[in-house]
Amino acid sequence: MDSKIMSEYIPISDAKKMRSGVNVDAEVISKGEPRTVNLKSGSGTVDVCDAVIANEDKSEENQMKLTLWGDDIKAVNVGDKVVITNGYTNEFKGQVSLTKGKFGKMDINPE
């Protein structure tokens, strides 16, 4: 990877304080069971799954929930390295979670 791009990745502890434009490089340390939710638009359902990602030190402050949608659920497994570029966070019931969203990108086990 381009070293300029690598330098733009931030610790998860910093990502928790951001809302958009989040770039993180982390490992998937756990993954929950998929569930089906209704779309806000009322136009159907989508599968969603929560995983937990961590930076190298795996301290609690450097762990964060990663919400996986659709095809990403099967593509991501515990132990995978994930690189999220231009992701965004939201907070629900006091817990911050990260997702790649429509405009973000997720690379799984990049070279």
PDB file of N, CA and C in Angstrom:
ATOM      1  N   MET A   1       0.819  -1.192   0.000  1.00  0.00           N
ATOM      2  CA  MET A   1       0.000   0.000   0.000  1.00  0.00           C
ATOM      3  C   MET A   1       0.861   1.252   0.000  1.00  0.00           C
ATOM      4  N   ASP A   2       0.346   2.301  -0.527  1.00  0.00           N
ATOM      5  CA  ASP A   2       1.002   3.599  -0.557  1.00  0.00           C
ATOM      6  C   ASP A   2       1.224   4.089   0.875  1.00  0.00           C
ATOM      7  N   SER A   3       2.461   4.491   1.210  1.00  0.00           N
ATOM      8  CA  SER A   3       2.756   4.903   2.585  1.00  0.00           C
ATOM      9  C   SER A   3       1.970   6.141   2.989  1.00  0.00           C
ATOM     10  N   LYS A   4       1.637   7.011   2.039  1.00  0.00           N
ATOM     11  CA  LYS A   4       0.834   8.196   2.363  1.00  0.00           C
ATOM     12  C   LYS A   4      -0.548   7.770   2.846  1.00  0.00           C
ATOM     13  N   ILE A   5      -1.129   6.789   2.175  1.00  0.00           N
ATOM     14  CA  ILE A   5      -2.449   6.308   2.577  1.00  0.00           C
ATOM     15  C   ILE A   5      -2.369   5.660   3.956  1.00  0.00           C
ATOM     16  N   MET A   6      -1.356   4.845   4.192  1.00  0.00           N
ATOM     17  CA  MET A   6      -1.218   4.168   5.477  1.00  0.00           C
ATOM     18  C   MET A   6      -1.168   5.169   6.630  1.00  0.00           C
ATOM     19  N   SER A   7      -0.505   6.301   6.417  1.00  0.00           N
ATOM     20  CA  SER A   7      -0.371   7.267   7.500  1.00  0.00           C
ATOM     21  C   SER A   7      -1.702   7.921   7.857  1.00  0.00           C
ATOM     22  N   GLU A   8      -2.701   7.781   7.013  1.00  0.00           N
ATOM     23  CA  GLU A   8      -3.996   8.390   7.272  1.00  0.00           C
ATOM     24  C   GLU A   8      -4.875   7.531   8.186  1.00  0.00           C
ATOM     25  N   TYR A   9      -4.466   6.296   8.457  1.00  0.00           N
ATOM     26  CA  TYR A   9      -5.261   5.440   9.337  1.00  0.00           C
ATOM     27  C   TYR A   9      -5.061   5.881  10.777  1.00  0.00           C
ATOM     28  N   ILE A  10      -6.138   5.854  11.524  1.00  0.00           N
ATOM     29  CA  ILE A  10      -6.106   6.368  12.889  1.00  0.00           C
ATOM     30  C   ILE A  10      -6.400   5.248  13.883  1.00  0.00           C
ATOM     31  N   PRO A  11      -5.985   5.417  15.129  1.00  0.00           N
ATOM     32  CA  PRO A  11      -6.334   4.432  16.152  1.00  0.00           C
ATOM     33  C   PRO A  11      -7.853   4.400  16.358  1.00  0.00           C
ATOM     34  N   ILE A  12      -8.356   3.244  16.723  1.00  0.00           N
ATOM     35  CA  ILE A  12      -9.794   3.105  16.971  1.00  0.00           C
ATOM     36  C   ILE A  12     -10.242   4.056  18.075  1.00  0.00           C
ATOM     37  N   SER A  13      -9.387   4.292  19.059  1.00  0.00           N
ATOM     38  CA  SER A  13      -9.763   5.213  20.139  1.00  0.00           C
ATOM     39  C   SER A  13     -10.093   6.601  19.589  1.00  0.00           C
ATOM     40  N   ASP A  14      -9.414   7.019  18.521  1.00  0.00           N
ATOM     41  CA  ASP A  14      -9.717   8.302  17.878  1.00  0.00           C
ATOM     42  C   ASP A  14     -10.950   8.191  16.983  1.00  0.00           C
ATOM     43  N   ALA A  15     -11.098   7.058  16.309  1.00  0.00           N
ATOM     44  CA  ALA A  15     -12.241   6.864  15.400  1.00  0.00           C
ATOM     45  C   ALA A  15     -13.566   6.957  16.149  1.00  0.00           C
ATOM     46  N   LYS A  16     -13.584   6.535  17.408  1.00  0.00           N
ATOM     47  CA  LYS A  16     -14.819   6.585  18.203  1.00  0.00           C
ATOM     48  C   LYS A  16     -15.335   8.010  18.382  1.00  0.00           C
ATOM     49  N   LYS A  17     -14.455   8.989  18.243  1.00  0.00           N
ATOM     50  CA  LYS A  17     -14.827  10.393  18.444  1.00  0.00           C
ATOM     51  C   LYS A  17     -15.256  11.067  17.143  1.00  0.00           C
ATOM     52  N   MET A  18     -15.123  10.359  16.018  1.00  0.00           N
ATOM     53  CA  MET A  18     -15.423  10.939  14.709  1.00  0.00           C
ATOM     54  C   MET A  18     -16.799  10.496  14.227  1.00  0.00           C
ATOM     55  N   ARG A  19     -17.304  11.142  13.203  1.00  0.00           N
ATOM     56  CA  ARG A  19     -18.582  10.755  12.605  1.00  0.00           C
ATOM     57  C   ARG A  19     -18.422  10.271  11.168  1.00  0.00           C
ATOM     58  N   SER A  20     -17.550  10.913  10.387  1.00  0.00           N
ATOM     59  CA  SER A  20     -17.401  10.515   8.986  1.00  0.00           C
ATOM     60  C   SER A  20     -15.940  10.634   8.576  1.00  0.00           C
ATOM     61  N   GLY A  21     -15.622  10.064   7.413  1.00  0.00           N
ATOM     62  CA  GLY A  21     -14.255  10.095   6.925  1.00  0.00           C
ATOM     63  C   GLY A  21     -13.312   9.277   7.777  1.00  0.00           C
ATOM     64  N   VAL A  22     -13.818   8.194   8.362  1.00  0.00           N
ATOM     65  CA  VAL A  22     -13.035   7.370   9.285  1.00  0.00           C
ATOM     66  C   VAL A  22     -12.225   6.338   8.499  1.00  0.00           C
ATOM     67  N   ASN A  23     -10.911   6.315   8.744  1.00  0.00           N
ATOM     68  CA  ASN A  23     -10.013   5.351   8.116  1.00  0.00           C
ATOM     69  C   ASN A  23      -9.326   4.546   9.216  1.00  0.00           C
ATOM     70  N   VAL A  24      -9.598   3.237   9.262  1.00  0.00           N
ATOM     71  CA  VAL A  24      -8.959   2.389  10.270  1.00  0.00           C
ATOM     72  C   VAL A  24      -8.435   1.106   9.642  1.00  0.00           C
ATOM     73  N   ASP A  25      -7.409   0.569  10.276  1.00  0.00           N
ATOM     74  CA  ASP A  25      -6.770  -0.678   9.888  1.00  0.00           C
ATOM     75  C   ASP A  25      -6.806  -1.534  11.153  1.00  0.00           C
ATOM     76  N   ALA A  26      -7.566  -2.637  11.140  1.00  0.00           N
ATOM     77  CA  ALA A  26      -7.782  -3.389  12.377  1.00  0.00           C
ATOM     78  C   ALA A  26      -7.994  -4.872  12.087  1.00  0.00           C
ATOM     79  N   GLU A  27      -8.059  -5.646  13.169  1.00  0.00           N
ATOM     80  CA  GLU A  27      -8.314  -7.085  13.082  1.00  0.00           C
ATOM     81  C   GLU A  27      -9.696  -7.385  13.655  1.00  0.00           C
ATOM     82  N   VAL A  28     -10.407  -8.309  13.010  1.00  0.00           N
ATOM     83  CA  VAL A  28     -11.711  -8.747  13.508  1.00  0.00           C
ATOM     84  C   VAL A  28     -11.456  -9.740  14.638  1.00  0.00           C
ATOM     85  N   ILE A  29     -11.916  -9.405  15.855  1.00  0.00           N
ATOM     86  CA  ILE A  29     -11.655 -10.289  16.997  1.00  0.00           C
ATOM     87  C   ILE A  29     -12.890 -11.075  17.425  1.00  0.00           C
ATOM     88  N   SER A  30     -14.066 -10.674  16.968  1.00  0.00           N
ATOM     89  CA  SER A  30     -15.275 -11.468  17.216  1.00  0.00           C
ATOM     90  C   SER A  30     -16.329 -11.080  16.192  1.00  0.00           C
ATOM     91  N   LYS A  31     -17.293 -11.976  16.024  1.00  0.00           N
ATOM     92  CA  LYS A  31     -18.366 -11.746  15.053  1.00  0.00           C
ATOM     93  C   LYS A  31     -19.629 -12.412  15.568  1.00  0.00           C
ATOM     94  N   GLY A  32     -20.704 -11.638  15.602  1.00  0.00           N
ATOM     95  CA  GLY A  32     -21.978 -12.158  16.076  1.00  0.00           C
ATOM     96  C   GLY A  32     -22.750 -12.875  14.984  1.00  0.00           C
ATOM     97  N   GLU A  33     -23.969 -13.243  15.313  1.00  0.00           N
ATOM     98  CA  GLU A  33     -24.849 -13.916  14.360  1.00  0.00           C
ATOM     99  C   GLU A  33     -25.583 -12.877  13.510  1.00  0.00           C
ATOM    100  N   PRO A  34     -25.754 -13.163  12.218  1.00  0.00           N
ATOM    101  CA  PRO A  34     -26.520 -12.244  11.362  1.00  0.00           C
ATOM    102  C   PRO A  34     -27.980 -12.184  11.799  1.00  0.00           C
ATOM    103  N   ARG A  35     -28.598 -11.039  11.547  1.00  0.00           N
ATOM    104  CA  ARG A  35     -30.026 -10.875  11.804  1.00  0.00           C
ATOM    105  C   ARG A  35     -30.618 -10.072  10.648  1.00  0.00           C
ATOM    106  N   THR A  36     -31.914 -10.140  10.503  1.00  0.00           N
ATOM    107  CA  THR A  36     -32.601  -9.420   9.438  1.00  0.00           C
ATOM    108  C   THR A  36     -33.319  -8.218  10.037  1.00  0.00           C
ATOM    109  N   VAL A  37     -33.132  -7.052   9.416  1.00  0.00           N
ATOM    110  CA  VAL A  37     -33.780  -5.827   9.892  1.00  0.00           C
ATOM    111  C   VAL A  37     -34.573  -5.196   8.754  1.00  0.00           C
ATOM    112  N   ASN A  38     -35.584  -4.419   9.129  1.00  0.00           N
ATOM    113  CA  ASN A  38     -36.376  -3.688   8.140  1.00  0.00           C
ATOM    114  C   ASN A  38     -35.630  -2.429   7.728  1.00  0.00           C
ATOM    115  N   LEU A  39     -35.663  -2.117   6.445  1.00  0.00           N
ATOM    116  CA  LEU A  39     -35.058  -0.884   5.953  1.00  0.00           C
ATOM    117  C   LEU A  39     -35.879   0.314   6.410  1.00  0.00           C
ATOM    118  N   LYS A  40     -35.216   1.429   6.697  1.00  0.00           N
ATOM    119  CA  LYS A  40     -35.918   2.641   7.125  1.00  0.00           C
ATOM    120  C   LYS A  40     -36.937   3.093   6.090  1.00  0.00           C
ATOM    121  N   SER A  41     -36.620   2.863   4.821  1.00  0.00           N
ATOM    122  CA  SER A  41     -37.510   3.299   3.743  1.00  0.00           C
ATOM    123  C   SER A  41     -38.792   2.475   3.690  1.00  0.00           C
ATOM    124  N   GLY A  42     -38.797   1.343   4.410  1.00  0.00           N
ATOM    125  CA  GLY A  42     -39.963   0.471   4.395  1.00  0.00           C
ATOM    126  C   GLY A  42     -40.045  -0.389   3.149  1.00  0.00           C
ATOM    127  N   SER A  43     -38.957  -0.388   2.366  1.00  0.00           N
ATOM    128  CA  SER A  43     -38.971  -1.105   1.090  1.00  0.00           C
ATOM    129  C   SER A  43     -38.362  -2.500   1.164  1.00  0.00           C
ATOM    130  N   GLY A  44     -38.349  -3.116   2.325  1.00  0.00           N
ATOM    131  CA  GLY A  44     -37.829  -4.474   2.421  1.00  0.00           C
ATOM    132  C   GLY A  44     -36.963  -4.674   3.646  1.00  0.00           C
ATOM    133  N   THR A  45     -36.156  -5.724   3.573  1.00  0.00           N
ATOM    134  CA  THR A  45     -35.282  -6.081   4.686  1.00  0.00           C
ATOM    135  C   THR A  45     -33.852  -6.251   4.193  1.00  0.00           C
ATOM    136  N   VAL A  46     -32.928  -6.269   5.137  1.00  0.00           N
ATOM    137  CA  VAL A  46     -31.520  -6.490   4.827  1.00  0.00           C
ATOM    138  C   VAL A  46     -30.900  -7.247   6.000  1.00  0.00           C
ATOM    139  N   ASP A  47     -29.898  -8.067   5.695  1.00  0.00           N
ATOM    140  CA  ASP A  47     -29.178  -8.781   6.747  1.00  0.00           C
ATOM    141  C   ASP A  47     -28.084  -7.881   7.311  1.00  0.00           C
ATOM    142  N   VAL A  48     -27.898  -7.960   8.619  1.00  0.00           N
ATOM    143  CA  VAL A  48     -26.888  -7.156   9.310  1.00  0.00           C
ATOM    144  C   VAL A  48     -26.235  -8.025  10.383  1.00  0.00           C
ATOM    145  N   CYS A  49     -24.975  -7.731  10.689  1.00  0.00           N
ATOM    146  CA  CYS A  49     -24.225  -8.509  11.677  1.00  0.00           C
ATOM    147  C   CYS A  49     -23.224  -7.583  12.362  1.00  0.00           C
ATOM    148  N   ASP A  50     -23.051  -7.752  13.652  1.00  0.00           N
ATOM    149  CA  ASP A  50     -22.076  -6.953  14.396  1.00  0.00           C
ATOM    150  C   ASP A  50     -20.819  -7.770  14.645  1.00  0.00           C
ATOM    151  N   ALA A  51     -19.681  -7.157  14.373  1.00  0.00           N
ATOM    152  CA  ALA A  51     -18.380  -7.742  14.673  1.00  0.00           C
ATOM    153  C   ALA A  51     -17.657  -6.758  15.586  1.00  0.00           C
ATOM    154  N   VAL A  52     -16.551  -7.194  16.165  1.00  0.00           N
ATOM    155  CA  VAL A  52     -15.709  -6.297  16.951  1.00  0.00           C
ATOM    156  C   VAL A  52     -14.336  -6.291  16.301  1.00  0.00           C
ATOM    157  N   ILE A  53     -13.818  -5.078  16.064  1.00  0.00           N
ATOM    158  CA  ILE A  53     -12.477  -4.926  15.513  1.00  0.00           C
ATOM    159  C   ILE A  53     -11.577  -4.307  16.572  1.00  0.00           C
ATOM    160  N   ALA A  54     -10.266  -4.547  16.426  1.00  0.00           N
ATOM    161  CA  ALA A  54      -9.306  -4.018  17.400  1.00  0.00           C
ATOM    162  C   ALA A  54      -8.002  -3.676  16.711  1.00  0.00           C
ATOM    163  N   ASN A  55      -7.318  -2.664  17.267  1.00  0.00           N
ATOM    164  CA  ASN A  55      -5.952  -2.377  16.851  1.00  0.00           C
ATOM    165  C   ASN A  55      -5.050  -3.429  17.483  1.00  0.00           C
ATOM    166  N   GLU A  56      -3.760  -3.377  17.148  1.00  0.00           N
ATOM    167  CA  GLU A  56      -2.819  -4.414  17.578  1.00  0.00           C
ATOM    168  C   GLU A  56      -2.816  -4.680  19.074  1.00  0.00           C
ATOM    169  N   ASP A  57      -2.911  -3.642  19.892  1.00  0.00           N
ATOM    170  CA  ASP A  57      -2.811  -3.871  21.338  1.00  0.00           C
ATOM    171  C   ASP A  57      -4.074  -4.497  21.937  1.00  0.00           C
ATOM    172  N   LYS A  58      -5.172  -4.474  21.208  1.00  0.00           N
ATOM    173  CA  LYS A  58      -6.452  -5.085  21.605  1.00  0.00           C
ATOM    174  C   LYS A  58      -6.983  -4.578  22.951  1.00  0.00           C
ATOM    175  N   SER A  59      -6.489  -3.424  23.406  1.00  0.00           N
ATOM    176  CA  SER A  59      -7.029  -2.846  24.639  1.00  0.00           C
ATOM    177  C   SER A  59      -8.474  -2.435  24.387  1.00  0.00           C
ATOM    178  N   GLU A  60      -9.249  -2.326  25.456  1.00  0.00           N
ATOM    179  CA  GLU A  60     -10.668  -2.002  25.303  1.00  0.00           C
ATOM    180  C   GLU A  60     -10.877  -0.670  24.588  1.00  0.00           C
ATOM    181  N   GLU A  61     -10.014   0.307  24.862  1.00  0.00           N
ATOM    182  CA  GLU A  61     -10.179   1.610  24.199  1.00  0.00           C
ATOM    183  C   GLU A  61      -9.881   1.530  22.709  1.00  0.00           C
ATOM    184  N   ASN A  62      -9.153   0.501  22.282  1.00  0.00           N
ATOM    185  CA  ASN A  62      -8.848   0.314  20.867  1.00  0.00           C
ATOM    186  C   ASN A  62      -9.656  -0.823  20.253  1.00  0.00           C
ATOM    187  N   GLN A  63     -10.873  -1.031  20.776  1.00  0.00           N
ATOM    188  CA  GLN A  63     -11.835  -1.963  20.194  1.00  0.00           C
ATOM    189  C   GLN A  63     -13.091  -1.188  19.827  1.00  0.00           C
ATOM    190  N   MET A  64     -13.765  -1.653  18.778  1.00  0.00           N
ATOM    191  CA  MET A  64     -14.960  -0.957  18.317  1.00  0.00           C
ATOM    192  C   MET A  64     -15.863  -1.938  17.584  1.00  0.00           C
ATOM    193  N   LYS A  65     -17.162  -1.700  17.699  1.00  0.00           N
ATOM    194  CA  LYS A  65     -18.119  -2.518  16.954  1.00  0.00           C
ATOM    195  C   LYS A  65     -18.055  -2.118  15.482  1.00  0.00           C
ATOM    196  N   LEU A  66     -18.054  -3.114  14.615  1.00  0.00           N
ATOM    197  CA  LEU A  66     -18.116  -2.917  13.168  1.00  0.00           C
ATOM    198  C   LEU A  66     -19.411  -3.543  12.688  1.00  0.00           C
ATOM    199  N   THR A  67     -20.278  -2.747  12.086  1.00  0.00           N
ATOM    200  CA  THR A  67     -21.544  -3.259  11.575  1.00  0.00           C
ATOM    201  C   THR A  67     -21.355  -3.682  10.127  1.00  0.00           C
ATOM    202  N   LEU A  68     -21.651  -4.954   9.861  1.00  0.00           N
ATOM    203  CA  LEU A  68     -21.525  -5.523   8.515  1.00  0.00           C
ATOM    204  C   LEU A  68     -22.911  -5.674   7.903  1.00  0.00           C
ATOM    205  N   TRP A  69     -23.033  -5.333   6.633  1.00  0.00           N
ATOM    206  CA  TRP A  69     -24.310  -5.399   5.922  1.00  0.00           C
ATOM    207  C   TRP A  69     -24.196  -6.313   4.712  1.00  0.00           C
ATOM    208  N   GLY A  70     -25.272  -7.017   4.400  1.00  0.00           N
ATOM    209  CA  GLY A  70     -25.371  -7.784   3.152  1.00  0.00           C
ATOM    210  C   GLY A  70     -24.229  -8.748   2.929  1.00  0.00           C
ATOM    211  N   ASP A  71     -23.606  -8.671   1.737  1.00  0.00           N
ATOM    212  CA  ASP A  71     -22.550  -9.606   1.339  1.00  0.00           C
ATOM    213  C   ASP A  71     -21.303  -9.521   2.214  1.00  0.00           C
ATOM    214  N   ASP A  72     -21.092  -8.386   2.874  1.00  0.00           N
ATOM    215  CA  ASP A  72     -19.914  -8.256   3.742  1.00  0.00           C
ATOM    216  C   ASP A  72     -19.963  -9.228   4.917  1.00  0.00           C
ATOM    217  N   ILE A  73     -21.161  -9.662   5.306  1.00  0.00           N
ATOM    218  CA  ILE A  73     -21.299 -10.573   6.450  1.00  0.00           C
ATOM    219  C   ILE A  73     -20.542 -11.870   6.195  1.00  0.00           C
ATOM    220  N   LYS A  74     -20.731 -12.468   5.031  1.00  0.00           N
ATOM    221  CA  LYS A  74     -20.057 -13.735   4.716  1.00  0.00           C
ATOM    222  C   LYS A  74     -18.585 -13.535   4.389  1.00  0.00           C
ATOM    223  N   ALA A  75     -18.225 -12.345   3.914  1.00  0.00           N
ATOM    224  CA  ALA A  75     -16.849 -12.082   3.480  1.00  0.00           C
ATOM    225  C   ALA A  75     -15.882 -11.874   4.642  1.00  0.00           C
ATOM    226  N   VAL A  76     -16.390 -11.427   5.784  1.00  0.00           N
ATOM    227  CA  VAL A  76     -15.529 -11.089   6.928  1.00  0.00           C
ATOM    228  C   VAL A  76     -15.602 -12.187   7.988  1.00  0.00           C
ATOM    229  N   ASN A  77     -14.424 -12.618   8.463  1.00  0.00           N
ATOM    230  CA  ASN A  77     -14.345 -13.663   9.484  1.00  0.00           C
ATOM    231  C   ASN A  77     -13.414 -13.240  10.616  1.00  0.00           C
ATOM    232  N   VAL A  78     -13.568 -13.876  11.770  1.00  0.00           N
ATOM    233  CA  VAL A  78     -12.682 -13.619  12.906  1.00  0.00           C
ATOM    234  C   VAL A  78     -11.246 -13.913  12.474  1.00  0.00           C
ATOM    235  N   GLY A  79     -10.343 -13.016  12.822  1.00  0.00           N
ATOM    236  CA  GLY A  79      -8.935 -13.153  12.454  1.00  0.00           C
ATOM    237  C   GLY A  79      -8.562 -12.384  11.201  1.00  0.00           C
ATOM    238  N   ASP A  80      -9.556 -11.955  10.417  1.00  0.00           N
ATOM    239  CA  ASP A  80      -9.280 -11.175   9.208  1.00  0.00           C
ATOM    240  C   ASP A  80      -8.776  -9.788   9.575  1.00  0.00           C
ATOM    241  N   LYS A  81      -7.921  -9.263   8.718  1.00  0.00           N
ATOM    242  CA  LYS A  81      -7.525  -7.859   8.812  1.00  0.00           C
ATOM    243  C   LYS A  81      -8.482  -7.090   7.912  1.00  0.00           C
ATOM    244  N   VAL A  82      -9.054  -6.002   8.420  1.00  0.00           N
ATOM    245  CA  VAL A  82      -9.939  -5.162   7.610  1.00  0.00           C
ATOM    246  C   VAL A  82      -9.400  -3.739   7.594  1.00  0.00           C
ATOM    247  N   VAL A  83      -9.457  -3.141   6.421  1.00  0.00           N
ATOM    248  CA  VAL A  83      -9.060  -1.753   6.249  1.00  0.00           C
ATOM    249  C   VAL A  83     -10.292  -1.005   5.766  1.00  0.00           C
ATOM    250  N   ILE A  84     -10.790  -0.114   6.600  1.00  0.00           N
ATOM    251  CA  ILE A  84     -11.968   0.691   6.268  1.00  0.00           C
ATOM    252  C   ILE A  84     -11.481   2.076   5.858  1.00  0.00           C
ATOM    253  N   THR A  85     -11.923   2.520   4.692  1.00  0.00           N
ATOM    254  CA  THR A  85     -11.589   3.848   4.192  1.00  0.00           C
ATOM    255  C   THR A  85     -12.876   4.632   4.000  1.00  0.00           C
ATOM    256  N   ASN A  86     -12.932   5.831   4.550  1.00  0.00           N
ATOM    257  CA  ASN A  86     -14.090   6.723   4.436  1.00  0.00           C
ATOM    258  C   ASN A  86     -15.352   6.122   5.063  1.00  0.00           C
ATOM    259  N   GLY A  87     -15.172   5.389   6.154  1.00  0.00           N
ATOM    260  CA  GLY A  87     -16.322   4.854   6.880  1.00  0.00           C
ATOM    261  C   GLY A  87     -16.963   5.934   7.735  1.00  0.00           C
ATOM    262  N   TYR A  88     -18.030   5.560   8.418  1.00  0.00           N
ATOM    263  CA  TYR A  88     -18.650   6.513   9.339  1.00  0.00           C
ATOM    264  C   TYR A  88     -19.113   5.791  10.589  1.00  0.00           C
ATOM    265  N   THR A  89     -19.275   6.564  11.649  1.00  0.00           N
ATOM    266  CA  THR A  89     -19.721   5.993  12.914  1.00  0.00           C
ATOM    267  C   THR A  89     -21.099   6.526  13.272  1.00  0.00           C
ATOM    268  N   ASN A  90     -21.779   5.760  14.108  1.00  0.00           N
ATOM    269  CA  ASN A  90     -23.011   6.248  14.728  1.00  0.00           C
ATOM    270  C   ASN A  90     -23.059   5.682  16.139  1.00  0.00           C
ATOM    271  N   GLU A  91     -23.918   6.242  16.944  1.00  0.00           N
ATOM    272  CA  GLU A  91     -24.030   5.812  18.335  1.00  0.00           C
ATOM    273  C   GLU A  91     -25.444   5.340  18.591  1.00  0.00           C
ATOM    274  N   PHE A  92     -25.556   4.163  19.213  1.00  0.00           N
ATOM    275  CA  PHE A  92     -26.852   3.593  19.548  1.00  0.00           C
ATOM    276  C   PHE A  92     -26.750   3.011  20.947  1.00  0.00           C
ATOM    277  N   LYS A  93     -27.624   3.446  21.827  1.00  0.00           N
ATOM    278  CA  LYS A  93     -27.632   2.983  23.220  1.00  0.00           C
ATOM    279  C   LYS A  93     -26.258   3.127  23.868  1.00  0.00           C
ATOM    280  N   GLY A  94     -25.598   4.247  23.578  1.00  0.00           N
ATOM    281  CA  GLY A  94     -24.319   4.548  24.201  1.00  0.00           C
ATOM    282  C   GLY A  94     -23.116   3.839  23.619  1.00  0.00           C
ATOM    283  N   GLN A  95     -23.309   3.048  22.560  1.00  0.00           N
ATOM    284  CA  GLN A  95     -22.192   2.325  21.965  1.00  0.00           C
ATOM    285  C   GLN A  95     -21.940   2.838  20.550  1.00  0.00           C
ATOM    286  N   VAL A  96     -20.683   3.191  20.273  1.00  0.00           N
ATOM    287  CA  VAL A  96     -20.300   3.685  18.955  1.00  0.00           C
ATOM    288  C   VAL A  96     -19.972   2.500  18.057  1.00  0.00           C
ATOM    289  N   SER A  97     -20.490   2.541  16.831  1.00  0.00           N
ATOM    290  CA  SER A  97     -20.164   1.493  15.868  1.00  0.00           C
ATOM    291  C   SER A  97     -19.717   2.128  14.557  1.00  0.00           C
ATOM    292  N   LEU A  98     -18.919   1.386  13.824  1.00  0.00           N
ATOM    293  CA  LEU A  98     -18.362   1.816  12.549  1.00  0.00           C
ATOM    294  C   LEU A  98     -18.985   0.997  11.437  1.00  0.00           C
ATOM    295  N   THR A  99     -19.238   1.622  10.296  1.00  0.00           N
ATOM    296  CA  THR A  99     -19.684   0.912   9.106  1.00  0.00           C
ATOM    297  C   THR A  99     -19.040   1.564   7.897  1.00  0.00           C
ATOM    298  N   LYS A 100     -18.913   0.805   6.799  1.00  0.00           N
ATOM    299  CA  LYS A 100     -18.309   1.413   5.607  1.00  0.00           C
ATOM    300  C   LYS A 100     -19.289   2.329   4.901  1.00  0.00           C
ATOM    301  N   GLY A 101     -20.590   2.091   5.050  1.00  0.00           N
ATOM    302  CA  GLY A 101     -21.582   2.952   4.424  1.00  0.00           C
ATOM    303  C   GLY A 101     -21.561   2.879   2.905  1.00  0.00           C
ATOM    304  N   LYS A 102     -22.345   3.731   2.280  1.00  0.00           N
ATOM    305  CA  LYS A 102     -22.448   3.762   0.813  1.00  0.00           C
ATOM    306  C   LYS A 102     -21.176   4.248   0.144  1.00  0.00           C
ATOM    307  N   PHE A 103     -20.493   5.190   0.773  1.00  0.00           N
ATOM    308  CA  PHE A 103     -19.376   5.862   0.119  1.00  0.00           C
ATOM    309  C   PHE A 103     -18.020   5.394   0.614  1.00  0.00           C
ATOM    310  N   GLY A 104     -18.011   4.467   1.555  1.00  0.00           N
ATOM    311  CA  GLY A 104     -16.760   3.953   2.082  1.00  0.00           C
ATOM    312  C   GLY A 104     -16.324   2.693   1.359  1.00  0.00           C
ATOM    313  N   LYS A 105     -15.175   2.190   1.779  1.00  0.00           N
ATOM    314  CA  LYS A 105     -14.596   0.996   1.168  1.00  0.00           C
ATOM    315  C   LYS A 105     -14.035   0.118   2.280  1.00  0.00           C
ATOM    316  N   MET A 106     -14.169  -1.194   2.107  1.00  0.00           N
ATOM    317  CA  MET A 106     -13.575  -2.126   3.058  1.00  0.00           C
ATOM    318  C   MET A 106     -12.745  -3.146   2.294  1.00  0.00           C
ATOM    319  N   ASP A 107     -11.455  -3.211   2.623  1.00  0.00           N
ATOM    320  CA  ASP A 107     -10.574  -4.230   2.064  1.00  0.00           C
ATOM    321  C   ASP A 107     -10.362  -5.280   3.141  1.00  0.00           C
ATOM    322  N   ILE A 108     -10.497  -6.543   2.744  1.00  0.00           N
ATOM    323  CA  ILE A 108     -10.336  -7.654   3.677  1.00  0.00           C
ATOM    324  C   ILE A 108      -9.024  -8.358   3.366  1.00  0.00           C
ATOM    325  N   ASN A 109      -8.170  -8.493   4.377  1.00  0.00           N
ATOM    326  CA  ASN A 109      -6.860  -9.124   4.244  1.00  0.00           C
ATOM    327  C   ASN A 109      -6.061  -8.564   3.067  1.00  0.00           C
ATOM    328  N   PRO A 110      -5.872  -7.236   3.019  1.00  0.00           N
ATOM    329  CA  PRO A 110      -5.098  -6.652   1.916  1.00  0.00           C
ATOM    330  C   PRO A 110      -3.639  -7.086   1.995  1.00  0.00           C
ATOM    331  N   GLU A 111      -2.978  -7.071   0.863  1.00  0.00           N
ATOM    332  CA  GLU A 111      -1.553  -7.461   0.799  1.00  0.00           C
ATOM    333  C   GLU A 111      -0.687  -6.459   1.506  1.00  0.00           C
TER     334      GLU A 111
END
